Amino acid sequence: VDPFSGPFASGGDEFLKIFKVLFDRVNAKGGALGRQFELVPFDDKLQPAEALIALKNITDQNIPFVMQCTGSNVGAALIDGVSKHNARNPDNRVIYLNCGALATELTNEKCDFWHFRFAGSVEMRAAMRVRSLPKDVTKVYLLNQDYLFGQSVRADTKKWLGKLRPDIEIVGDELMPFGKVQDFSSYVTKIQASGAQSVITGNYNRDLNLLIKAAVDSGSTVRFDTYLAHLIG
């Protein structure tokens, strides 16, 4: 269950290709206890409501594992949906395998027995993100997407800056519309005016790509200390 259409479709396509390679490799070696894996994609368009429709289709087909990698908003919906389904259907229970919904809350406040996350949470990543900042960085600008993941990045980055780098001043702190900004030049202008040496951002995919493009086009030399720059885009 991932976005295979809409502005973040490239992220869903990336994960689908990765897991197809991995599943093919495992199946070629005999599968798991002699059983072959089948990968069945469902498009959630990065919308929680669409993900819950997909979940209903999954449980109707008796598919036992639900895997999702993009969007903590979708992850939160799937945690609730899977938990409720399993309570009502003890003979047709499913497990939600989370390979990329990172918000800290998903394994804290929303912790659920039927949810297993492989990736490190935002809080874990924030601790290391802040530790990695050069000693000469003393002014940072926080820019994050205004939904569960971006809000989690914002809160945990502030927490670890306070604990580990009290010498750093936050000169800007902004939440931006998720997946809707086409031109980031106004954000870059504010970043430059703030005197920030680093932009700490959880932006990913098109929201990171367009942000850095605007910075390059403006001639800015600010650092980008990101959480998800390793993803496609």
C-alpha atoms as a PDB file:
ATOM      1  CA  VAL A   1       0.000   0.000   0.000  1.00  0.00           C
ATOM      2  CA  ASP A   2       1.784   3.113  -1.249  1.00  0.00           C
ATOM      3  CA  PRO A   3       1.242   6.089  -3.594  1.00  0.00           C
ATOM      4  CA  PHE A   4       1.366   4.940  -7.214  1.00  0.00           C
ATOM      5  CA  SER A   5      -0.373   8.056  -8.520  1.00  0.00           C
ATOM      6  CA  GLY A   6      -0.293  11.720  -7.538  1.00  0.00           C
ATOM      7  CA  PRO A   7       2.689  13.972  -6.702  1.00  0.00           C
ATOM      8  CA  PHE A   8       4.544  11.327  -4.654  1.00  0.00           C
ATOM      9  CA  ALA A   9       4.027   8.389  -7.033  1.00  0.00           C
ATOM     10  CA  SER A  10       7.770   8.110  -7.686  1.00  0.00           C
ATOM     11  CA  GLY A  11       8.246   7.140  -4.028  1.00  0.00           C
ATOM     12  CA  GLY A  12       5.726   4.302  -4.256  1.00  0.00           C
ATOM     13  CA  ASP A  13       7.243   3.118  -7.534  1.00  0.00           C
ATOM     14  CA  GLU A  14      10.709   3.113  -5.966  1.00  0.00           C
ATOM     15  CA  PHE A  15       9.660   0.908  -3.048  1.00  0.00           C
ATOM     16  CA  LEU A  16       7.676  -1.411  -5.331  1.00  0.00           C
ATOM     17  CA  LYS A  17      10.732  -2.006  -7.535  1.00  0.00           C
ATOM     18  CA  ILE A  18      12.974  -2.571  -4.508  1.00  0.00           C
ATOM     19  CA  PHE A  19      10.663  -5.140  -2.946  1.00  0.00           C
ATOM     20  CA  LYS A  20      10.025  -6.890  -6.252  1.00  0.00           C
ATOM     21  CA  VAL A  21      13.790  -7.475  -6.601  1.00  0.00           C
ATOM     22  CA  LEU A  22      14.002  -8.727  -3.008  1.00  0.00           C
ATOM     23  CA  PHE A  23      10.966 -11.009  -3.281  1.00  0.00           C
ATOM     24  CA  ASP A  24      12.181 -12.452  -6.575  1.00  0.00           C
ATOM     25  CA  ARG A  25      15.534 -13.206  -4.943  1.00  0.00           C
ATOM     26  CA  VAL A  26      13.913 -14.948  -1.960  1.00  0.00           C
ATOM     27  CA  ASN A  27      11.481 -16.889  -4.164  1.00  0.00           C
ATOM     28  CA  ALA A  28      14.342 -18.070  -6.393  1.00  0.00           C
ATOM     29  CA  LYS A  29      15.915 -19.624  -3.294  1.00  0.00           C
ATOM     30  CA  GLY A  30      12.736 -21.511  -2.447  1.00  0.00           C
ATOM     31  CA  GLY A  31      10.711 -18.839  -0.656  1.00  0.00           C
ATOM     32  CA  ALA A  32       9.834 -19.120   3.037  1.00  0.00           C
ATOM     33  CA  LEU A  33       9.410 -22.714   4.235  1.00  0.00           C
ATOM     34  CA  GLY A  34       8.729 -23.670   0.634  1.00  0.00           C
ATOM     35  CA  ARG A  35       6.056 -21.002   0.099  1.00  0.00           C
ATOM     36  CA  GLN A  36       6.447 -18.298  -2.544  1.00  0.00           C
ATOM     37  CA  PHE A  37       5.828 -14.602  -1.872  1.00  0.00           C
ATOM     38  CA  GLU A  38       3.452 -12.638  -4.072  1.00  0.00           C
ATOM     39  CA  LEU A  39       3.578  -8.829  -4.123  1.00  0.00           C
ATOM     40  CA  VAL A  40       0.178  -7.182  -4.697  1.00  0.00           C
ATOM     41  CA  PRO A  41       0.254  -3.358  -5.048  1.00  0.00           C
ATOM     42  CA  PHE A  42      -2.573  -1.077  -3.901  1.00  0.00           C
ATOM     43  CA  ASP A  43      -2.543   2.664  -4.642  1.00  0.00           C
ATOM     44  CA  ASP A  44      -3.350   4.854  -1.627  1.00  0.00           C
ATOM     45  CA  LYS A  45      -2.511   8.172  -3.376  1.00  0.00           C
ATOM     46  CA  LEU A  46      -0.883   9.064  -0.022  1.00  0.00           C
ATOM     47  CA  GLN A  47      -4.390   9.487   1.424  1.00  0.00           C
ATOM     48  CA  PRO A  48      -5.454   7.720   4.664  1.00  0.00           C
ATOM     49  CA  ALA A  49      -9.007   7.145   3.384  1.00  0.00           C
ATOM     50  CA  GLU A  50      -7.687   5.445   0.240  1.00  0.00           C
ATOM     51  CA  ALA A  51      -5.368   3.302   2.378  1.00  0.00           C
ATOM     52  CA  LEU A  52      -8.314   2.058   4.441  1.00  0.00           C
ATOM     53  CA  ILE A  53     -10.185   1.138   1.240  1.00  0.00           C
ATOM     54  CA  ALA A  54      -7.083  -0.787   0.169  1.00  0.00           C
ATOM     55  CA  LEU A  55      -6.960  -2.490   3.568  1.00  0.00           C
ATOM     56  CA  LYS A  56     -10.549  -3.701   3.102  1.00  0.00           C
ATOM     57  CA  ASN A  57      -9.599  -5.170  -0.299  1.00  0.00           C
ATOM     58  CA  ILE A  58      -6.548  -6.820   1.274  1.00  0.00           C
ATOM     59  CA  THR A  59      -8.498  -8.470   4.085  1.00  0.00           C
ATOM     60  CA  ASP A  60     -11.252  -9.553   1.664  1.00  0.00           C
ATOM     61  CA  GLN A  61      -8.553 -11.406  -0.310  1.00  0.00           C
ATOM     62  CA  ASN A  62      -7.100 -12.978   2.865  1.00  0.00           C
ATOM     63  CA  ILE A  63      -3.679 -11.416   2.291  1.00  0.00           C
ATOM     64  CA  PRO A  64      -1.948 -11.773   5.684  1.00  0.00           C
ATOM     65  CA  PHE A  65       0.726  -9.053   5.461  1.00  0.00           C
ATOM     66  CA  VAL A  66       0.138  -5.358   4.812  1.00  0.00           C
ATOM     67  CA  MET A  67       3.290  -3.429   3.909  1.00  0.00           C
ATOM     68  CA  GLN A  68       3.496   0.378   3.582  1.00  0.00           C
ATOM     69  CA  CYS A  69       6.497   2.667   3.249  1.00  0.00           C
ATOM     70  CA  THR A  70       5.409   6.248   2.482  1.00  0.00           C
ATOM     71  CA  GLY A  71       3.497   8.640   4.723  1.00  0.00           C
ATOM     72  CA  SER A  72       3.042   8.658   8.492  1.00  0.00           C
ATOM     73  CA  ASN A  73      -0.524   9.921   7.996  1.00  0.00           C
ATOM     74  CA  VAL A  74      -1.260   6.693   6.122  1.00  0.00           C
ATOM     75  CA  GLY A  75       0.686   4.690   8.707  1.00  0.00           C
ATOM     76  CA  ALA A  76      -1.467   6.046  11.540  1.00  0.00           C
ATOM     77  CA  ALA A  77      -4.640   5.114   9.656  1.00  0.00           C
ATOM     78  CA  LEU A  78      -3.366   1.601   8.939  1.00  0.00           C
ATOM     79  CA  ILE A  79      -2.428   1.014  12.581  1.00  0.00           C
ATOM     80  CA  ASP A  80      -5.997   1.816  13.612  1.00  0.00           C
ATOM     81  CA  GLY A  81      -7.548  -0.052  10.694  1.00  0.00           C
ATOM     82  CA  VAL A  82      -5.519  -3.228  11.204  1.00  0.00           C
ATOM     83  CA  SER A  83      -6.135  -3.232  14.968  1.00  0.00           C
ATOM     84  CA  LYS A  84      -9.899  -2.857  14.532  1.00  0.00           C
ATOM     85  CA  HIS A  85     -10.025  -5.507  11.799  1.00  0.00           C
ATOM     86  CA  ASN A  86      -8.099  -8.010  13.915  1.00  0.00           C
ATOM     87  CA  ALA A  87     -10.341  -7.437  16.929  1.00  0.00           C
ATOM     88  CA  ARG A  88     -13.416  -8.168  14.790  1.00  0.00           C
ATOM     89  CA  ASN A  89     -11.877 -11.017  12.791  1.00  0.00           C
ATOM     90  CA  PRO A  90      -9.653 -13.183  15.027  1.00  0.00           C
ATOM     91  CA  ASP A  91      -9.569 -15.930  12.364  1.00  0.00           C
ATOM     92  CA  ASN A  92      -8.379 -13.549   9.602  1.00  0.00           C
ATOM     93  CA  ARG A  93      -5.817 -11.371  11.324  1.00  0.00           C
ATOM     94  CA  VAL A  94      -3.199  -9.365   9.430  1.00  0.00           C
ATOM     95  CA  ILE A  95       0.119  -7.790  10.395  1.00  0.00           C
ATOM     96  CA  TYR A  96       1.090  -4.270   9.311  1.00  0.00           C
ATOM     97  CA  LEU A  97       4.764  -4.190   8.271  1.00  0.00           C
ATOM     98  CA  ASN A  98       5.943  -0.575   8.276  1.00  0.00           C
ATOM     99  CA  CYS A  99       9.028   0.077   6.148  1.00  0.00           C
ATOM    100  CA  GLY A 100       8.994   3.868   6.096  1.00  0.00           C
ATOM    101  CA  ALA A 101       6.261   5.676   8.066  1.00  0.00           C
ATOM    102  CA  LEU A 102       8.609   7.288  10.568  1.00  0.00           C
ATOM    103  CA  ALA A 103       6.682   9.596  12.929  1.00  0.00           C
ATOM    104  CA  THR A 104       7.766   8.951  16.517  1.00  0.00           C
ATOM    105  CA  GLU A 105       4.146   8.732  17.654  1.00  0.00           C
ATOM    106  CA  LEU A 106       3.501   5.536  15.670  1.00  0.00           C
ATOM    107  CA  THR A 107       5.541   3.423  18.097  1.00  0.00           C
ATOM    108  CA  ASN A 108       4.883   5.596  21.149  1.00  0.00           C
ATOM    109  CA  GLU A 109       1.382   7.010  21.638  1.00  0.00           C
ATOM    110  CA  LYS A 110      -0.062   4.863  18.827  1.00  0.00           C
ATOM    111  CA  CYS A 111       1.926   1.720  19.635  1.00  0.00           C
ATOM    112  CA  ASP A 112      -0.027  -1.391  18.653  1.00  0.00           C
ATOM    113  CA  PHE A 113       0.708  -5.118  18.858  1.00  0.00           C
ATOM    114  CA  TRP A 114      -0.096  -5.676  15.144  1.00  0.00           C
ATOM    115  CA  HIS A 115       2.285  -2.972  13.876  1.00  0.00           C
ATOM    116  CA  PHE A 116       5.974  -3.692  13.284  1.00  0.00           C
ATOM    117  CA  ARG A 117       8.295  -0.899  12.139  1.00  0.00           C
ATOM    118  CA  PHE A 118      11.635  -1.778  10.559  1.00  0.00           C
ATOM    119  CA  ALA A 119      13.007   1.760  10.203  1.00  0.00           C
ATOM    120  CA  GLY A 120      14.280   4.021  12.956  1.00  0.00           C
ATOM    121  CA  SER A 121      11.738   6.540  14.261  1.00  0.00           C
ATOM    122  CA  VAL A 122      11.997  10.303  13.829  1.00  0.00           C
ATOM    123  CA  GLU A 123      13.229  10.645  17.414  1.00  0.00           C
ATOM    124  CA  MET A 124      16.124   8.234  16.786  1.00  0.00           C
ATOM    125  CA  ARG A 125      16.973  10.045  13.564  1.00  0.00           C
ATOM    126  CA  ALA A 126      16.694  13.481  15.180  1.00  0.00           C
ATOM    127  CA  ALA A 127      19.225  12.554  17.857  1.00  0.00           C
ATOM    128  CA  MET A 128      21.750  11.565  15.187  1.00  0.00           C
ATOM    129  CA  ARG A 129      20.841  14.448  12.857  1.00  0.00           C
ATOM    130  CA  VAL A 130      21.623  16.964  15.604  1.00  0.00           C
ATOM    131  CA  ARG A 131      24.812  15.143  16.667  1.00  0.00           C
ATOM    132  CA  SER A 132      26.055  15.358  13.070  1.00  0.00           C
ATOM    133  CA  LEU A 133      25.816  19.156  12.828  1.00  0.00           C
ATOM    134  CA  PRO A 134      29.244  20.829  12.537  1.00  0.00           C
ATOM    135  CA  LYS A 135      30.408  22.739  15.608  1.00  0.00           C
ATOM    136  CA  ASP A 136      30.532  26.018  13.675  1.00  0.00           C
ATOM    137  CA  VAL A 137      26.804  25.867  12.848  1.00  0.00           C
ATOM    138  CA  THR A 138      25.083  28.142  15.361  1.00  0.00           C
ATOM    139  CA  LYS A 139      21.954  29.242  13.462  1.00  0.00           C
ATOM    140  CA  VAL A 140      19.416  26.862  11.909  1.00  0.00           C
ATOM    141  CA  TYR A 141      16.108  27.190  10.080  1.00  0.00           C
ATOM    142  CA  LEU A 142      13.496  24.466  10.534  1.00  0.00           C
ATOM    143  CA  LEU A 143      11.272  23.842   7.505  1.00  0.00           C
ATOM    144  CA  ASN A 144       8.913  20.862   7.511  1.00  0.00           C
ATOM    145  CA  GLN A 145       5.794  19.509   5.847  1.00  0.00           C
ATOM    146  CA  ASP A 146       2.593  20.257   7.738  1.00  0.00           C
ATOM    147  CA  TYR A 147       1.377  16.737   8.492  1.00  0.00           C
ATOM    148  CA  LEU A 148       2.168  14.056  11.063  1.00  0.00           C
ATOM    149  CA  PHE A 149       5.710  13.277   9.875  1.00  0.00           C
ATOM    150  CA  GLY A 150       6.806  16.891   9.450  1.00  0.00           C
ATOM    151  CA  GLN A 151       5.311  17.835  12.799  1.00  0.00           C
ATOM    152  CA  SER A 152       7.176  14.928  14.398  1.00  0.00           C
ATOM    153  CA  VAL A 153      10.457  16.037  12.795  1.00  0.00           C
ATOM    154  CA  ARG A 154       9.877  19.580  14.036  1.00  0.00           C
ATOM    155  CA  ALA A 155       9.185  18.529  17.635  1.00  0.00           C
ATOM    156  CA  ASP A 156      12.013  15.999  17.929  1.00  0.00           C
ATOM    157  CA  THR A 157      14.575  18.243  16.219  1.00  0.00           C
ATOM    158  CA  LYS A 158      13.785  21.003  18.719  1.00  0.00           C
ATOM    159  CA  LYS A 159      13.996  18.514  21.571  1.00  0.00           C
ATOM    160  CA  TRP A 160      17.451  17.260  20.598  1.00  0.00           C
ATOM    161  CA  LEU A 161      18.782  20.699  19.707  1.00  0.00           C
ATOM    162  CA  GLY A 162      17.890  21.749  23.256  1.00  0.00           C
ATOM    163  CA  LYS A 163      19.529  18.676  24.774  1.00  0.00           C
ATOM    164  CA  LEU A 164      22.654  18.393  22.631  1.00  0.00           C
ATOM    165  CA  ARG A 165      23.270  21.807  21.052  1.00  0.00           C
ATOM    166  CA  PRO A 166      21.954  24.583  23.307  1.00  0.00           C
ATOM    167  CA  ASP A 167      24.440  26.897  21.542  1.00  0.00           C
ATOM    168  CA  ILE A 168      22.353  26.733  18.360  1.00  0.00           C
ATOM    169  CA  GLU A 169      19.739  29.430  17.716  1.00  0.00           C
ATOM    170  CA  ILE A 170      16.590  28.517  15.761  1.00  0.00           C
ATOM    171  CA  VAL A 171      16.199  31.551  13.485  1.00  0.00           C
ATOM    172  CA  GLY A 172      13.192  30.202  11.591  1.00  0.00           C
ATOM    173  CA  ASP A 173      10.562  27.542  12.229  1.00  0.00           C
ATOM    174  CA  GLU A 174       7.963  26.899   9.568  1.00  0.00           C
ATOM    175  CA  LEU A 175       5.450  24.243   8.529  1.00  0.00           C
ATOM    176  CA  MET A 176       4.599  24.262   4.821  1.00  0.00           C
ATOM    177  CA  PRO A 177       1.694  22.726   2.854  1.00  0.00           C
ATOM    178  CA  PHE A 178       2.444  19.081   2.142  1.00  0.00           C
ATOM    179  CA  GLY A 179       2.969  18.309  -1.538  1.00  0.00           C
ATOM    180  CA  LYS A 180       1.377  21.543  -2.787  1.00  0.00           C
ATOM    181  CA  VAL A 181       4.160  24.127  -3.098  1.00  0.00           C
ATOM    182  CA  GLN A 182       5.367  24.493  -6.693  1.00  0.00           C
ATOM    183  CA  ASP A 183       7.853  27.350  -6.179  1.00  0.00           C
ATOM    184  CA  PHE A 184      10.006  27.495  -3.055  1.00  0.00           C
ATOM    185  CA  SER A 185      11.722  30.786  -3.900  1.00  0.00           C
ATOM    186  CA  SER A 186       9.778  32.688  -1.215  1.00  0.00           C
ATOM    187  CA  TYR A 187      10.916  30.171   1.402  1.00  0.00           C
ATOM    188  CA  VAL A 188      14.530  30.499   0.239  1.00  0.00           C
ATOM    189  CA  THR A 189      14.271  34.298   0.506  1.00  0.00           C
ATOM    190  CA  LYS A 190      13.132  33.973   4.141  1.00  0.00           C
ATOM    191  CA  ILE A 191      15.900  31.465   4.879  1.00  0.00           C
ATOM    192  CA  GLN A 192      18.544  33.801   3.462  1.00  0.00           C
ATOM    193  CA  ALA A 193      17.143  36.789   5.371  1.00  0.00           C
ATOM    194  CA  SER A 194      17.231  34.832   8.644  1.00  0.00           C
ATOM    195  CA  GLY A 195      21.007  34.363   8.533  1.00  0.00           C
ATOM    196  CA  ALA A 196      20.638  30.572   8.908  1.00  0.00           C
ATOM    197  CA  GLN A 197      23.702  28.464   8.201  1.00  0.00           C
ATOM    198  CA  SER A 198      21.679  25.248   7.964  1.00  0.00           C
ATOM    199  CA  VAL A 199      18.175  24.250   6.966  1.00  0.00           C
ATOM    200  CA  ILE A 200      17.078  21.203   8.944  1.00  0.00           C
ATOM    201  CA  THR A 201      14.196  19.626   7.055  1.00  0.00           C
ATOM    202  CA  GLY A 202      12.185  16.440   6.891  1.00  0.00           C
ATOM    203  CA  ASN A 203      11.070  17.322   3.345  1.00  0.00           C
ATOM    204  CA  TYR A 204      11.389  14.466   0.876  1.00  0.00           C
ATOM    205  CA  ASN A 205      10.736  13.586  -2.740  1.00  0.00           C
ATOM    206  CA  ARG A 206       9.311  16.526  -4.750  1.00  0.00           C
ATOM    207  CA  ASP A 207       9.135  18.812  -1.662  1.00  0.00           C
ATOM    208  CA  LEU A 208      12.880  18.440  -1.097  1.00  0.00           C
ATOM    209  CA  ASN A 209      13.811  18.437  -4.771  1.00  0.00           C
ATOM    210  CA  LEU A 210      12.002  21.725  -5.468  1.00  0.00           C
ATOM    211  CA  LEU A 211      13.317  23.347  -2.272  1.00  0.00           C
ATOM    212  CA  ILE A 212      16.960  22.620  -3.101  1.00  0.00           C
ATOM    213  CA  LYS A 213      16.421  23.627  -6.745  1.00  0.00           C
ATOM    214  CA  ALA A 214      15.125  27.025  -5.594  1.00  0.00           C
ATOM    215  CA  ALA A 215      18.145  27.431  -3.295  1.00  0.00           C
ATOM    216  CA  VAL A 216      20.565  26.560  -6.104  1.00  0.00           C
ATOM    217  CA  ASP A 217      18.802  28.940  -8.523  1.00  0.00           C
ATOM    218  CA  SER A 218      19.087  31.766  -5.975  1.00  0.00           C
ATOM    219  CA  GLY A 219      22.815  31.221  -5.451  1.00  0.00           C
ATOM    220  CA  SER A 220      22.307  30.335  -1.788  1.00  0.00           C
ATOM    221  CA  THR A 221      25.140  28.512  -0.034  1.00  0.00           C
ATOM    222  CA  VAL A 222      23.114  27.395   3.008  1.00  0.00           C
ATOM    223  CA  ARG A 223      23.586  23.797   4.192  1.00  0.00           C
ATOM    224  CA  PHE A 224      20.699  21.341   3.952  1.00  0.00           C
ATOM    225  CA  ASP A 225      20.713  18.867   6.836  1.00  0.00           C
ATOM    226  CA  THR A 226      17.950  16.514   5.785  1.00  0.00           C
ATOM    227  CA  TYR A 227      16.238  13.383   7.069  1.00  0.00           C
ATOM    228  CA  LEU A 228      15.307  11.736   3.759  1.00  0.00           C
ATOM    229  CA  ALA A 229      17.611  12.965   0.990  1.00  0.00           C
ATOM    230  CA  HIS A 230      18.550   9.342   0.231  1.00  0.00           C
ATOM    231  CA  LEU A 231      15.101   8.736  -1.271  1.00  0.00           C
ATOM    232  CA  ILE A 232      14.362   9.133  -4.968  1.00  0.00           C
ATOM    233  CA  GLY A 233      14.139  12.737  -6.210  1.00  0.00           C
END
